[in-house]
Amino acid sequence: MTTKQKTVQVAARVPVEIKEQASVVAGEYGLGLGDAVRMFVTRIAKEKRIPLDISVPLASISNFDQAHPEYQNYIDTIAEGYLYE
């Protein structure tokens, strides 16, 4: 007898063009974007680490903004939306 695992939906806000580009790459591997995200989250849980080569940990959102000025204020705008819901 097989028991079905409980699942939860995980949401992430990313720029439309990043989502579209990531979907294309995942598709080249025969995966949907949701499949790729599930694989990534599963590896984090199993390996107890982020399975990426991150030379400088992103300790805060401000570090991300500095490393990626093209997304300046994007994260802040999203965060404000969550703070005031």
PDB file of N, CA and C in Angstrom:
ATOM      1  N   MET A   1       0.839  -1.177   0.000  1.00  0.00           N
ATOM      2  CA  MET A   1       0.000   0.000   0.000  1.00  0.00           C
ATOM      3  C   MET A   1       0.888   1.246   0.000  1.00  0.00           C
ATOM      4  N   THR A   2       0.585   2.168  -0.874  1.00  0.00           N
ATOM      5  CA  THR A   2       1.356   3.400  -0.981  1.00  0.00           C
ATOM      6  C   THR A   2       0.633   4.518  -0.255  1.00  0.00           C
ATOM      7  N   THR A   3       1.393   5.272   0.537  1.00  0.00           N
ATOM      8  CA  THR A   3       0.790   6.432   1.196  1.00  0.00           C
ATOM      9  C   THR A   3       1.273   7.689   0.495  1.00  0.00           C
ATOM     10  N   LYS A   4       0.378   8.606   0.326  1.00  0.00           N
ATOM     11  CA  LYS A   4       0.710   9.848  -0.364  1.00  0.00           C
ATOM     12  C   LYS A   4       1.317  10.827   0.637  1.00  0.00           C
ATOM     13  N   GLN A   5       2.472  11.426   0.269  1.00  0.00           N
ATOM     14  CA  GLN A   5       3.118  12.400   1.126  1.00  0.00           C
ATOM     15  C   GLN A   5       2.366  13.712   1.089  1.00  0.00           C
ATOM     16  N   LYS A   6       2.344  14.379   2.235  1.00  0.00           N
ATOM     17  CA  LYS A   6       1.764  15.715   2.267  1.00  0.00           C
ATOM     18  C   LYS A   6       2.735  16.669   1.596  1.00  0.00           C
ATOM     19  N   THR A   7       2.197  17.601   0.852  1.00  0.00           N
ATOM     20  CA  THR A   7       3.034  18.582   0.172  1.00  0.00           C
ATOM     21  C   THR A   7       2.537  19.984   0.514  1.00  0.00           C
ATOM     22  N   VAL A   8       3.378  20.941   0.239  1.00  0.00           N
ATOM     23  CA  VAL A   8       3.054  22.338   0.444  1.00  0.00           C
ATOM     24  C   VAL A   8       3.537  23.112  -0.771  1.00  0.00           C
ATOM     25  N   GLN A   9       2.828  24.147  -1.121  1.00  0.00           N
ATOM     26  CA  GLN A   9       3.241  24.973  -2.252  1.00  0.00           C
ATOM     27  C   GLN A   9       4.244  26.005  -1.765  1.00  0.00           C
ATOM     28  N   VAL A  10       5.324  26.178  -2.524  1.00  0.00           N
ATOM     29  CA  VAL A  10       6.362  27.161  -2.224  1.00  0.00           C
ATOM     30  C   VAL A  10       6.322  28.205  -3.332  1.00  0.00           C
ATOM     31  N   ALA A  11       6.289  29.474  -2.943  1.00  0.00           N
ATOM     32  CA  ALA A  11       6.226  30.548  -3.940  1.00  0.00           C
ATOM     33  C   ALA A  11       7.485  31.395  -3.866  1.00  0.00           C
ATOM     34  N   ALA A  12       7.938  31.824  -5.004  1.00  0.00           N
ATOM     35  CA  ALA A  12       9.088  32.722  -5.081  1.00  0.00           C
ATOM     36  C   ALA A  12       8.791  33.765  -6.148  1.00  0.00           C
ATOM     37  N   ARG A  13       9.135  34.991  -5.859  1.00  0.00           N
ATOM     38  CA  ARG A  13       8.929  36.062  -6.833  1.00  0.00           C
ATOM     39  C   ARG A  13      10.253  36.337  -7.530  1.00  0.00           C
ATOM     40  N   VAL A  14      10.225  36.208  -8.843  1.00  0.00           N
ATOM     41  CA  VAL A  14      11.402  36.487  -9.662  1.00  0.00           C
ATOM     42  C   VAL A  14      10.958  37.315 -10.859  1.00  0.00           C
ATOM     43  N   PRO A  15      11.857  38.083 -11.444  1.00  0.00           N
ATOM     44  CA  PRO A  15      11.493  38.827 -12.643  1.00  0.00           C
ATOM     45  C   PRO A  15      11.025  37.876 -13.744  1.00  0.00           C
ATOM     46  N   VAL A  16      10.057  38.328 -14.527  1.00  0.00           N
ATOM     47  CA  VAL A  16       9.461  37.517 -15.585  1.00  0.00           C
ATOM     48  C   VAL A  16      10.525  36.953 -16.520  1.00  0.00           C
ATOM     49  N   GLU A  17      11.487  37.780 -16.910  1.00  0.00           N
ATOM     50  CA  GLU A  17      12.496  37.309 -17.870  1.00  0.00           C
ATOM     51  C   GLU A  17      13.377  36.208 -17.281  1.00  0.00           C
ATOM     52  N   ILE A  18      13.642  36.259 -15.969  1.00  0.00           N
ATOM     53  CA  ILE A  18      14.426  35.197 -15.311  1.00  0.00           C
ATOM     54  C   ILE A  18      13.621  33.899 -15.313  1.00  0.00           C
ATOM     55  N   LYS A  19      12.343  33.973 -14.985  1.00  0.00           N
ATOM     56  CA  LYS A  19      11.481  32.789 -14.983  1.00  0.00           C
ATOM     57  C   LYS A  19      11.414  32.171 -16.373  1.00  0.00           C
ATOM     58  N   GLU A  20      11.255  33.012 -17.387  1.00  0.00           N
ATOM     59  CA  GLU A  20      11.175  32.504 -18.756  1.00  0.00           C
ATOM     60  C   GLU A  20      12.471  31.829 -19.181  1.00  0.00           C
ATOM     61  N   GLN A  21      13.609  32.449 -18.866  1.00  0.00           N
ATOM     62  CA  GLN A  21      14.903  31.867 -19.220  1.00  0.00           C
ATOM     63  C   GLN A  21      15.124  30.549 -18.481  1.00  0.00           C
ATOM     64  N   ALA A  22      14.766  30.515 -17.198  1.00  0.00           N
ATOM     65  CA  ALA A  22      14.938  29.292 -16.405  1.00  0.00           C
ATOM     66  C   ALA A  22      14.035  28.178 -16.925  1.00  0.00           C
ATOM     67  N   SER A  23      12.830  28.530 -17.350  1.00  0.00           N
ATOM     68  CA  SER A  23      11.908  27.534 -17.906  1.00  0.00           C
ATOM     69  C   SER A  23      12.473  26.904 -19.173  1.00  0.00           C
ATOM     70  N   VAL A  24      13.109  27.716 -20.005  1.00  0.00           N
ATOM     71  CA  VAL A  24      13.721  27.208 -21.232  1.00  0.00           C
ATOM     72  C   VAL A  24      14.835  26.222 -20.892  1.00  0.00           C
ATOM     73  N   VAL A  25      15.696  26.600 -19.950  1.00  0.00           N
ATOM     74  CA  VAL A  25      16.818  25.723 -19.574  1.00  0.00           C
ATOM     75  C   VAL A  25      16.286  24.423 -18.970  1.00  0.00           C
ATOM     76  N   ALA A  26      15.325  24.515 -18.050  1.00  0.00           N
ATOM     77  CA  ALA A  26      14.753  23.303 -17.456  1.00  0.00           C
ATOM     78  C   ALA A  26      14.153  22.419 -18.547  1.00  0.00           C
ATOM     79  N   GLY A  27      13.476  23.041 -19.504  1.00  0.00           N
ATOM     80  CA  GLY A  27      12.869  22.299 -20.604  1.00  0.00           C
ATOM     81  C   GLY A  27      13.889  21.552 -21.440  1.00  0.00           C
ATOM     82  N   GLU A  28      15.073  22.114 -21.575  1.00  0.00           N
ATOM     83  CA  GLU A  28      16.137  21.441 -22.326  1.00  0.00           C
ATOM     84  C   GLU A  28      16.564  20.139 -21.652  1.00  0.00           C
ATOM     85  N   TYR A  29      16.279  20.015 -20.357  1.00  0.00           N
ATOM     86  CA  TYR A  29      16.570  18.790 -19.618  1.00  0.00           C
ATOM     87  C   TYR A  29      15.325  17.912 -19.477  1.00  0.00           C
ATOM     88  N   GLY A  30      14.246  18.314 -20.142  1.00  0.00           N
ATOM     89  CA  GLY A  30      13.008  17.551 -20.062  1.00  0.00           C
ATOM     90  C   GLY A  30      12.247  17.774 -18.771  1.00  0.00           C
ATOM     91  N   LEU A  31      12.497  18.893 -18.119  1.00  0.00           N
ATOM     92  CA  LEU A  31      11.864  19.205 -16.838  1.00  0.00           C
ATOM     93  C   LEU A  31      10.989  20.441 -16.953  1.00  0.00           C
ATOM     94  N   GLY A  32       9.977  20.504 -16.119  1.00  0.00           N
ATOM     95  CA  GLY A  32       9.254  21.744 -15.925  1.00  0.00           C
ATOM     96  C   GLY A  32       9.996  22.556 -14.874  1.00  0.00           C
ATOM     97  N   LEU A  33       9.694  23.825 -14.777  1.00  0.00           N
ATOM     98  CA  LEU A  33      10.364  24.661 -13.784  1.00  0.00           C
ATOM     99  C   LEU A  33      10.055  24.182 -12.367  1.00  0.00           C
ATOM    100  N   GLY A  34       8.823  23.744 -12.130  1.00  0.00           N
ATOM    101  CA  GLY A  34       8.465  23.205 -10.814  1.00  0.00           C
ATOM    102  C   GLY A  34       9.302  21.988 -10.445  1.00  0.00           C
ATOM    103  N   ASP A  35       9.555  21.116 -11.434  1.00  0.00           N
ATOM    104  CA  ASP A  35      10.398  19.940 -11.205  1.00  0.00           C
ATOM    105  C   ASP A  35      11.806  20.352 -10.794  1.00  0.00           C
ATOM    106  N   ALA A  36      12.353  21.351 -11.501  1.00  0.00           N
ATOM    107  CA  ALA A  36      13.709  21.817 -11.204  1.00  0.00           C
ATOM    108  C   ALA A  36      13.785  22.421  -9.797  1.00  0.00           C
ATOM    109  N   VAL A  37      12.773  23.174  -9.423  1.00  0.00           N
ATOM    110  CA  VAL A  37      12.750  23.770  -8.080  1.00  0.00           C
ATOM    111  C   VAL A  37      12.651  22.672  -7.023  1.00  0.00           C
ATOM    112  N   ARG A  38      11.789  21.665  -7.261  1.00  0.00           N
ATOM    113  CA  ARG A  38      11.672  20.542  -6.318  1.00  0.00           C
ATOM    114  C   ARG A  38      13.008  19.827  -6.151  1.00  0.00           C
ATOM    115  N   MET A  39      13.723  19.634  -7.258  1.00  0.00           N
ATOM    116  CA  MET A  39      15.036  18.981  -7.188  1.00  0.00           C
ATOM    117  C   MET A  39      16.003  19.817  -6.345  1.00  0.00           C
ATOM    118  N   PHE A  40      15.994  21.123  -6.560  1.00  0.00           N
ATOM    119  CA  PHE A  40      16.884  22.026  -5.827  1.00  0.00           C
ATOM    120  C   PHE A  40      16.573  21.997  -4.330  1.00  0.00           C
ATOM    121  N   VAL A  41      15.311  22.122  -3.973  1.00  0.00           N
ATOM    122  CA  VAL A  41      14.919  22.132  -2.563  1.00  0.00           C
ATOM    123  C   VAL A  41      15.217  20.782  -1.905  1.00  0.00           C
ATOM    124  N   THR A  42      15.008  19.701  -2.642  1.00  0.00           N
ATOM    125  CA  THR A  42      15.299  18.367  -2.098  1.00  0.00           C
ATOM    126  C   THR A  42      16.789  18.217  -1.805  1.00  0.00           C
ATOM    127  N   ARG A  43      17.638  18.704  -2.706  1.00  0.00           N
ATOM    128  CA  ARG A  43      19.088  18.631  -2.467  1.00  0.00           C
ATOM    129  C   ARG A  43      19.495  19.462  -1.262  1.00  0.00           C
ATOM    130  N   ILE A  44      18.911  20.631  -1.090  1.00  0.00           N
ATOM    131  CA  ILE A  44      19.213  21.448   0.089  1.00  0.00           C
ATOM    132  C   ILE A  44      18.899  20.654   1.351  1.00  0.00           C
ATOM    133  N   ALA A  45      17.734  20.045   1.394  1.00  0.00           N
ATOM    134  CA  ALA A  45      17.315  19.283   2.571  1.00  0.00           C
ATOM    135  C   ALA A  45      18.224  18.081   2.825  1.00  0.00           C
ATOM    136  N   LYS A  46      18.542  17.325   1.775  1.00  0.00           N
ATOM    137  CA  LYS A  46      19.345  16.113   1.946  1.00  0.00           C
ATOM    138  C   LYS A  46      20.808  16.401   2.257  1.00  0.00           C
ATOM    139  N   GLU A  47      21.364  17.436   1.604  1.00  0.00           N
ATOM    140  CA  GLU A  47      22.792  17.739   1.766  1.00  0.00           C
ATOM    141  C   GLU A  47      23.068  18.714   2.905  1.00  0.00           C
ATOM    142  N   LYS A  48      22.019  19.328   3.443  1.00  0.00           N
ATOM    143  CA  LYS A  48      22.160  20.306   4.536  1.00  0.00           C
ATOM    144  C   LYS A  48      23.074  21.458   4.143  1.00  0.00           C
ATOM    145  N   ARG A  49      22.957  21.872   2.883  1.00  0.00           N
ATOM    146  CA  ARG A  49      23.743  22.989   2.355  1.00  0.00           C
ATOM    147  C   ARG A  49      23.097  23.464   1.068  1.00  0.00           C
ATOM    148  N   ILE A  50      23.505  24.650   0.624  1.00  0.00           N
ATOM    149  CA  ILE A  50      23.057  25.150  -0.669  1.00  0.00           C
ATOM    150  C   ILE A  50      23.945  24.508  -1.733  1.00  0.00           C
ATOM    151  N   PRO A  51      23.369  23.747  -2.666  1.00  0.00           N
ATOM    152  CA  PRO A  51      24.191  23.016  -3.641  1.00  0.00           C
ATOM    153  C   PRO A  51      24.638  23.884  -4.821  1.00  0.00           C
ATOM    154  N   LEU A  52      25.207  25.021  -4.516  1.00  0.00           N
ATOM    155  CA  LEU A  52      25.725  25.932  -5.526  1.00  0.00           C
ATOM    156  C   LEU A  52      27.093  26.419  -5.104  1.00  0.00           C
ATOM    157  N   ASP A  53      27.876  26.866  -6.049  1.00  0.00           N
ATOM    158  CA  ASP A  53      29.165  27.467  -5.739  1.00  0.00           C
ATOM    159  C   ASP A  53      28.938  28.946  -5.454  1.00  0.00           C
ATOM    160  N   ILE A  54      28.771  29.275  -4.180  1.00  0.00           N
ATOM    161  CA  ILE A  54      28.570  30.669  -3.772  1.00  0.00           C
ATOM    162  C   ILE A  54      29.846  31.092  -3.053  1.00  0.00           C
ATOM    163  N   SER A  55      30.641  31.930  -3.726  1.00  0.00           N
ATOM    164  CA  SER A  55      31.919  32.315  -3.143  1.00  0.00           C
ATOM    165  C   SER A  55      31.757  33.291  -1.985  1.00  0.00           C
ATOM    166  N   VAL A  56      30.743  34.142  -2.038  1.00  0.00           N
ATOM    167  CA  VAL A  56      30.469  35.073  -0.950  1.00  0.00           C
ATOM    168  C   VAL A  56      29.023  34.853  -0.531  1.00  0.00           C
ATOM    169  N   PRO A  57      28.788  34.383   0.705  1.00  0.00           N
ATOM    170  CA  PRO A  57      27.408  34.139   1.127  1.00  0.00           C
ATOM    171  C   PRO A  57      26.574  35.415   1.048  1.00  0.00           C
ATOM    172  N   LEU A  58      25.348  35.261   0.621  1.00  0.00           N
ATOM    173  CA  LEU A  58      24.436  36.400   0.585  1.00  0.00           C
ATOM    174  C   LEU A  58      23.803  36.525   1.964  1.00  0.00           C
ATOM    175  N   ALA A  59      24.477  37.254   2.842  1.00  0.00           N
ATOM    176  CA  ALA A  59      24.042  37.359   4.228  1.00  0.00           C
ATOM    177  C   ALA A  59      22.810  38.232   4.377  1.00  0.00           C
ATOM    178  N   SER A  60      22.570  39.094   3.428  1.00  0.00           N
ATOM    179  CA  SER A  60      21.413  39.961   3.544  1.00  0.00           C
ATOM    180  C   SER A  60      20.930  40.380   2.166  1.00  0.00           C
ATOM    181  N   ILE A  61      19.760  40.928   2.134  1.00  0.00           N
ATOM    182  CA  ILE A  61      19.205  41.418   0.878  1.00  0.00           C
ATOM    183  C   ILE A  61      20.077  42.522   0.319  1.00  0.00           C
ATOM    184  N   SER A  62      20.655  43.350   1.191  1.00  0.00           N
ATOM    185  CA  SER A  62      21.486  44.450   0.696  1.00  0.00           C
ATOM    186  C   SER A  62      22.710  43.912  -0.041  1.00  0.00           C
ATOM    187  N   ASN A  63      23.261  42.775   0.386  1.00  0.00           N
ATOM    188  CA  ASN A  63      24.371  42.163  -0.347  1.00  0.00           C
ATOM    189  C   ASN A  63      23.923  41.753  -1.737  1.00  0.00           C
ATOM    190  N   PHE A  64      22.725  41.204  -1.836  1.00  0.00           N
ATOM    191  CA  PHE A  64      22.201  40.807  -3.141  1.00  0.00           C
ATOM    192  C   PHE A  64      22.062  42.035  -4.031  1.00  0.00           C
ATOM    193  N   ASP A  65      21.495  43.117  -3.476  1.00  0.00           N
ATOM    194  CA  ASP A  65      21.327  44.352  -4.243  1.00  0.00           C
ATOM    195  C   ASP A  65      22.669  44.874  -4.749  1.00  0.00           C
ATOM    196  N   GLN A  66      23.701  44.780  -3.913  1.00  0.00           N
ATOM    197  CA  GLN A  66      25.026  45.250  -4.325  1.00  0.00           C
ATOM    198  C   GLN A  66      25.604  44.367  -5.416  1.00  0.00           C
ATOM    199  N   ALA A  67      25.398  43.074  -5.297  1.00  0.00           N
ATOM    200  CA  ALA A  67      25.939  42.140  -6.286  1.00  0.00           C
ATOM    201  C   ALA A  67      25.158  42.191  -7.598  1.00  0.00           C
ATOM    202  N   HIS A  68      23.888  42.572  -7.524  1.00  0.00           N
ATOM    203  CA  HIS A  68      23.015  42.581  -8.697  1.00  0.00           C
ATOM    204  C   HIS A  68      22.256  43.901  -8.773  1.00  0.00           C
ATOM    205  N   PRO A  69      22.944  44.977  -9.147  1.00  0.00           N
ATOM    206  CA  PRO A  69      22.284  46.288  -9.169  1.00  0.00           C
ATOM    207  C   PRO A  69      21.094  46.354 -10.121  1.00  0.00           C
ATOM    208  N   GLU A  70      21.026  45.439 -11.093  1.00  0.00           N
ATOM    209  CA  GLU A  70      19.886  45.450 -12.016  1.00  0.00           C
ATOM    210  C   GLU A  70      18.573  45.142 -11.303  1.00  0.00           C
ATOM    211  N   TYR A  71      18.652  44.567 -10.105  1.00  0.00           N
ATOM    212  CA  TYR A  71      17.452  44.263  -9.328  1.00  0.00           C
ATOM    213  C   TYR A  71      17.293  45.193  -8.133  1.00  0.00           C
ATOM    214  N   GLN A  72      17.995  46.315  -8.153  1.00  0.00           N
ATOM    215  CA  GLN A  72      17.932  47.280  -7.056  1.00  0.00           C
ATOM    216  C   GLN A  72      16.464  47.612  -6.778  1.00  0.00           C
ATOM    217  N   ASN A  73      16.092  47.571  -5.548  1.00  0.00           N
ATOM    218  CA  ASN A  73      14.745  47.890  -5.056  1.00  0.00           C
ATOM    219  C   ASN A  73      13.699  46.831  -5.373  1.00  0.00           C
ATOM    220  N   TYR A  74      13.995  45.874  -6.235  1.00  0.00           N
ATOM    221  CA  TYR A  74      13.006  44.847  -6.568  1.00  0.00           C
ATOM    222  C   TYR A  74      12.645  44.032  -5.326  1.00  0.00           C
ATOM    223  N   ILE A  75      13.666  43.568  -4.607  1.00  0.00           N
ATOM    224  CA  ILE A  75      13.434  42.765  -3.408  1.00  0.00           C
ATOM    225  C   ILE A  75      12.711  43.593  -2.352  1.00  0.00           C
ATOM    226  N   ASP A  76      13.125  44.859  -2.169  1.00  0.00           N
ATOM    227  CA  ASP A  76      12.482  45.717  -1.178  1.00  0.00           C
ATOM    228  C   ASP A  76      10.998  45.886  -1.474  1.00  0.00           C
ATOM    229  N   THR A  77      10.653  46.049  -2.727  1.00  0.00           N
ATOM    230  CA  THR A  77       9.260  46.220  -3.112  1.00  0.00           C
ATOM    231  C   THR A  77       8.460  44.968  -2.768  1.00  0.00           C
ATOM    232  N   ILE A  78       9.025  43.811  -3.055  1.00  0.00           N
ATOM    233  CA  ILE A  78       8.352  42.549  -2.748  1.00  0.00           C
ATOM    234  C   ILE A  78       8.221  42.391  -1.234  1.00  0.00           C
ATOM    235  N   ALA A  79       9.304  42.668  -0.500  1.00  0.00           N
ATOM    236  CA  ALA A  79       9.284  42.530   0.956  1.00  0.00           C
ATOM    237  C   ALA A  79       8.219  43.428   1.573  1.00  0.00           C
ATOM    238  N   GLU A  80       8.099  44.650   1.091  1.00  0.00           N
ATOM    239  CA  GLU A  80       7.084  45.554   1.607  1.00  0.00           C
ATOM    240  C   GLU A  80       5.691  44.989   1.402  1.00  0.00           C
ATOM    241  N   GLY A  81       5.461  44.342   0.277  1.00  0.00           N
ATOM    242  CA  GLY A  81       4.172  43.735   0.011  1.00  0.00           C
ATOM    243  C   GLY A  81       3.827  42.668   1.042  1.00  0.00           C
ATOM    244  N   TYR A  82       4.824  41.887   1.465  1.00  0.00           N
ATOM    245  CA  TYR A  82       4.586  40.854   2.468  1.00  0.00           C
ATOM    246  C   TYR A  82       4.396  41.452   3.849  1.00  0.00           C
ATOM    247  N   LEU A  83       5.119  42.519   4.148  1.00  0.00           N
ATOM    248  CA  LEU A  83       5.021  43.143   5.478  1.00  0.00           C
ATOM    249  C   LEU A  83       3.645  43.735   5.737  1.00  0.00           C
ATOM    250  N   TYR A  84       2.996  44.186   4.688  1.00  0.00           N
ATOM    251  CA  TYR A  84       1.740  44.907   4.878  1.00  0.00           C
ATOM    252  C   TYR A  84       0.517  44.145   4.417  1.00  0.00           C
ATOM    253  N   GLU A  85       0.652  42.840   4.218  1.00  0.00           N
ATOM    254  CA  GLU A  85      -0.515  42.020   3.810  1.00  0.00           C
ATOM    255  C   GLU A  85      -1.395  41.734   5.001  1.00  0.00           C
TER     256      GLU A  85
END
